Amino acid sequence: QVQLVESGGGLVQAGGSLRLSCAASGLIFSRYRMGWFRQAPGKEREFAAAISWSGGHTLYADSVEGRFTIARDNTRNTVYLHLNSLKPEDTAVYYCAADFFESDIATPLQHLYDYWGQGTQVTVSS
């Protein structure tokens, strides 16, 4: 049974930082590319960042480029999202997702991801 469990969310002031973690189990983690998505209140879920199975290819949404960093540790079956210079508009539930894909290419496309976590809330106060 595949499980993705996010952690690290919380309340932070604008300009602050957080590190989100997503621990995976029930799958061969190193064969999956991973993504982080977010959903703000009243809005559709959107892409934030993605990373290929080796970590060699990463993608970012324009809105987070230069402020967020995605990374993974295949020895710990964990993907991270470092959130820096946070803004109130970053407030959302953040989800991690996994997609089995042999090529070392990340993807921002939600519909390609097979497994999703429950999400972790990030709230940025102004």
C-alpha atoms as a PDB file:
ATOM      1  CA  GLN A   1       0.000   0.000   0.000  1.00  0.00           C
ATOM      2  CA  VAL A   2       1.523   3.265  -1.128  1.00  0.00           C
ATOM      3  CA  GLN A   3       1.554   6.086   1.377  1.00  0.00           C
ATOM      4  CA  LEU A   4       2.781   9.652   1.043  1.00  0.00           C
ATOM      5  CA  VAL A   5       2.829  11.606   4.281  1.00  0.00           C
ATOM      6  CA  GLU A   6       3.550  15.328   4.259  1.00  0.00           C
ATOM      7  CA  SER A   7       4.804  17.262   7.266  1.00  0.00           C
ATOM      8  CA  GLY A   8       6.418  20.573   8.125  1.00  0.00           C
ATOM      9  CA  GLY A   9       3.584  22.965   7.434  1.00  0.00           C
ATOM     10  CA  GLY A  10       2.578  25.705   9.826  1.00  0.00           C
ATOM     11  CA  LEU A  11       2.042  29.397  10.404  1.00  0.00           C
ATOM     12  CA  VAL A  12       4.863  31.742   9.417  1.00  0.00           C
ATOM     13  CA  GLN A  13       5.253  35.460   8.882  1.00  0.00           C
ATOM     14  CA  ALA A  14       5.821  36.919   5.449  1.00  0.00           C
ATOM     15  CA  GLY A  15       9.479  36.675   4.526  1.00  0.00           C
ATOM     16  CA  GLY A  16       9.944  33.561   6.607  1.00  0.00           C
ATOM     17  CA  SER A  17      10.873  30.022   5.652  1.00  0.00           C
ATOM     18  CA  LEU A  18       9.595  26.489   6.050  1.00  0.00           C
ATOM     19  CA  ARG A  19      10.744  23.059   5.003  1.00  0.00           C
ATOM     20  CA  LEU A  20       8.108  20.581   3.938  1.00  0.00           C
ATOM     21  CA  SER A  21       8.832  16.855   3.903  1.00  0.00           C
ATOM     22  CA  CYS A  22       7.033  14.025   2.189  1.00  0.00           C
ATOM     23  CA  ALA A  23       7.848  10.525   3.377  1.00  0.00           C
ATOM     24  CA  ALA A  24       6.977   7.736   0.958  1.00  0.00           C
ATOM     25  CA  SER A  25       6.369   4.076   1.699  1.00  0.00           C
ATOM     26  CA  GLY A  26       5.049   1.069  -0.189  1.00  0.00           C
ATOM     27  CA  LEU A  27       6.880   1.882  -3.399  1.00  0.00           C
ATOM     28  CA  ILE A  28      10.380   1.800  -4.848  1.00  0.00           C
ATOM     29  CA  PHE A  29      10.933   5.488  -4.266  1.00  0.00           C
ATOM     30  CA  SER A  30      13.936   5.862  -6.548  1.00  0.00           C
ATOM     31  CA  ARG A  31      11.790   4.864  -9.545  1.00  0.00           C
ATOM     32  CA  TYR A  32       9.276   7.649  -9.013  1.00  0.00           C
ATOM     33  CA  ARG A  33       9.413  11.249 -10.009  1.00  0.00           C
ATOM     34  CA  MET A  34       7.853  13.506  -7.411  1.00  0.00           C
ATOM     35  CA  GLY A  35       5.900  16.711  -7.397  1.00  0.00           C
ATOM     36  CA  TRP A  36       4.617  19.320  -4.996  1.00  0.00           C
ATOM     37  CA  PHE A  37       1.284  20.962  -5.672  1.00  0.00           C
ATOM     38  CA  ARG A  38      -0.748  23.447  -3.678  1.00  0.00           C
ATOM     39  CA  GLN A  39      -4.348  24.512  -3.298  1.00  0.00           C
ATOM     40  CA  ALA A  40      -5.331  27.868  -1.893  1.00  0.00           C
ATOM     41  CA  PRO A  41      -8.825  28.481  -0.477  1.00  0.00           C
ATOM     42  CA  GLY A  42     -11.359  28.828  -3.267  1.00  0.00           C
ATOM     43  CA  LYS A  43      -8.833  27.996  -5.967  1.00  0.00           C
ATOM     44  CA  GLU A  44      -7.906  24.958  -7.995  1.00  0.00           C
ATOM     45  CA  ARG A  45      -4.887  22.898  -7.114  1.00  0.00           C
ATOM     46  CA  GLU A  46      -1.798  24.104  -8.953  1.00  0.00           C
ATOM     47  CA  PHE A  47       1.719  22.952  -9.670  1.00  0.00           C
ATOM     48  CA  ALA A  48       4.546  24.228  -7.471  1.00  0.00           C
ATOM     49  CA  ALA A  49       7.648  22.112  -8.098  1.00  0.00           C
ATOM     50  CA  ALA A  50       8.719  18.725  -9.461  1.00  0.00           C
ATOM     51  CA  ILE A  51      11.815  16.550  -9.438  1.00  0.00           C
ATOM     52  CA  SER A  52      12.923  13.570 -11.481  1.00  0.00           C
ATOM     53  CA  TRP A  53      13.771  10.212  -9.932  1.00  0.00           C
ATOM     54  CA  SER A  54      17.478  10.992  -9.652  1.00  0.00           C
ATOM     55  CA  GLY A  55      17.012  14.616  -8.656  1.00  0.00           C
ATOM     56  CA  GLY A  56      18.838  15.680 -11.774  1.00  0.00           C
ATOM     57  CA  HIS A  57      15.900  17.483 -13.349  1.00  0.00           C
ATOM     58  CA  THR A  58      13.738  19.980 -11.489  1.00  0.00           C
ATOM     59  CA  LEU A  59      10.887  22.239 -12.532  1.00  0.00           C
ATOM     60  CA  TYR A  60       9.236  25.194 -10.799  1.00  0.00           C
ATOM     61  CA  ALA A  61       6.135  27.258 -11.285  1.00  0.00           C
ATOM     62  CA  ASP A  62       6.921  30.849 -12.206  1.00  0.00           C
ATOM     63  CA  SER A  63       5.296  32.022  -8.991  1.00  0.00           C
ATOM     64  CA  VAL A  64       7.805  30.130  -6.808  1.00  0.00           C
ATOM     65  CA  GLU A  65      10.926  30.127  -8.988  1.00  0.00           C
ATOM     66  CA  GLY A  66      13.891  31.461  -7.029  1.00  0.00           C
ATOM     67  CA  ARG A  67      12.113  31.143  -3.672  1.00  0.00           C
ATOM     68  CA  PHE A  68      11.310  27.421  -3.398  1.00  0.00           C
ATOM     69  CA  THR A  69      13.717  24.519  -3.778  1.00  0.00           C
ATOM     70  CA  ILE A  70      12.734  20.894  -4.288  1.00  0.00           C
ATOM     71  CA  ALA A  71      15.129  18.123  -3.288  1.00  0.00           C
ATOM     72  CA  ARG A  72      14.992  14.413  -2.572  1.00  0.00           C
ATOM     73  CA  ASP A  73      16.874  11.819  -0.586  1.00  0.00           C
ATOM     74  CA  ASN A  74      16.381   8.396  -2.122  1.00  0.00           C
ATOM     75  CA  THR A  75      18.069   6.736   0.846  1.00  0.00           C
ATOM     76  CA  ARG A  76      15.362   8.144   3.114  1.00  0.00           C
ATOM     77  CA  ASN A  77      12.444   7.811   0.653  1.00  0.00           C
ATOM     78  CA  THR A  78      11.729  11.485   1.208  1.00  0.00           C
ATOM     79  CA  VAL A  79      11.175  14.535  -0.955  1.00  0.00           C
ATOM     80  CA  TYR A  80      11.508  18.040   0.427  1.00  0.00           C
ATOM     81  CA  LEU A  81      10.268  21.460  -0.497  1.00  0.00           C
ATOM     82  CA  HIS A  82      12.196  24.380   0.952  1.00  0.00           C
ATOM     83  CA  LEU A  83      10.038  27.491   1.047  1.00  0.00           C
ATOM     84  CA  ASN A  84      11.866  30.788   1.403  1.00  0.00           C
ATOM     85  CA  SER A  85      10.803  34.448   1.200  1.00  0.00           C
ATOM     86  CA  LEU A  86       7.241  33.372   1.833  1.00  0.00           C
ATOM     87  CA  LYS A  87       4.373  35.620   0.819  1.00  0.00           C
ATOM     88  CA  PRO A  88       0.736  35.638   1.982  1.00  0.00           C
ATOM     89  CA  GLU A  89      -0.247  34.357  -1.455  1.00  0.00           C
ATOM     90  CA  ASP A  90       1.731  31.181  -0.737  1.00  0.00           C
ATOM     91  CA  THR A  91      -0.918  30.241   1.817  1.00  0.00           C
ATOM     92  CA  ALA A  92      -2.325  26.878   0.735  1.00  0.00           C
ATOM     93  CA  VAL A  93      -2.512  23.188   1.452  1.00  0.00           C
ATOM     94  CA  TYR A  94       0.616  21.630  -0.019  1.00  0.00           C
ATOM     95  CA  TYR A  95       0.446  18.115  -1.469  1.00  0.00           C
ATOM     96  CA  CYS A  96       3.161  15.802  -2.634  1.00  0.00           C
ATOM     97  CA  ALA A  97       2.573  13.315  -5.419  1.00  0.00           C
ATOM     98  CA  ALA A  98       4.422  10.392  -7.003  1.00  0.00           C
ATOM     99  CA  ASP A  99       4.544   9.156 -10.588  1.00  0.00           C
ATOM    100  CA  PHE A 100       6.350   6.027 -11.790  1.00  0.00           C
ATOM    101  CA  PHE A 101       8.483   7.082 -14.759  1.00  0.00           C
ATOM    102  CA  GLU A 102      11.723   5.493 -15.914  1.00  0.00           C
ATOM    103  CA  SER A 103      13.132   8.474 -17.777  1.00  0.00           C
ATOM    104  CA  ASP A 104      14.912  11.036 -15.625  1.00  0.00           C
ATOM    105  CA  ILE A 105      12.475  13.835 -16.380  1.00  0.00           C
ATOM    106  CA  ALA A 106      10.237  15.803 -14.026  1.00  0.00           C
ATOM    107  CA  THR A 107       6.699  16.803 -14.939  1.00  0.00           C
ATOM    108  CA  PRO A 108       4.299  19.555 -13.807  1.00  0.00           C
ATOM    109  CA  LEU A 109       1.227  17.695 -15.108  1.00  0.00           C
ATOM    110  CA  GLN A 110      -1.093  16.710 -12.282  1.00  0.00           C
ATOM    111  CA  HIS A 111      -2.986  14.069 -14.200  1.00  0.00           C
ATOM    112  CA  LEU A 112       0.181  12.003 -14.644  1.00  0.00           C
ATOM    113  CA  TYR A 113       0.720  11.491 -10.922  1.00  0.00           C
ATOM    114  CA  ASP A 114      -0.440   8.154  -9.536  1.00  0.00           C
ATOM    115  CA  TYR A 115      -0.325   8.736  -5.793  1.00  0.00           C
ATOM    116  CA  TRP A 116      -1.094  11.715  -3.585  1.00  0.00           C
ATOM    117  CA  GLY A 117      -0.589  12.613   0.029  1.00  0.00           C
ATOM    118  CA  GLN A 118      -3.143  14.155   2.373  1.00  0.00           C
ATOM    119  CA  GLY A 119      -1.532  17.565   2.382  1.00  0.00           C
ATOM    120  CA  THR A 120      -0.018  19.931   4.919  1.00  0.00           C
ATOM    121  CA  GLN A 121      -1.270  23.450   5.609  1.00  0.00           C
ATOM    122  CA  VAL A 122       1.019  26.429   5.099  1.00  0.00           C
ATOM    123  CA  THR A 123      -0.272  29.791   6.298  1.00  0.00           C
ATOM    124  CA  VAL A 124       1.700  32.979   5.707  1.00  0.00           C
ATOM    125  CA  SER A 125       0.657  36.038   7.670  1.00  0.00           C
ATOM    126  CA  SER A 126       1.303  39.564   6.445  1.00  0.00           C
END
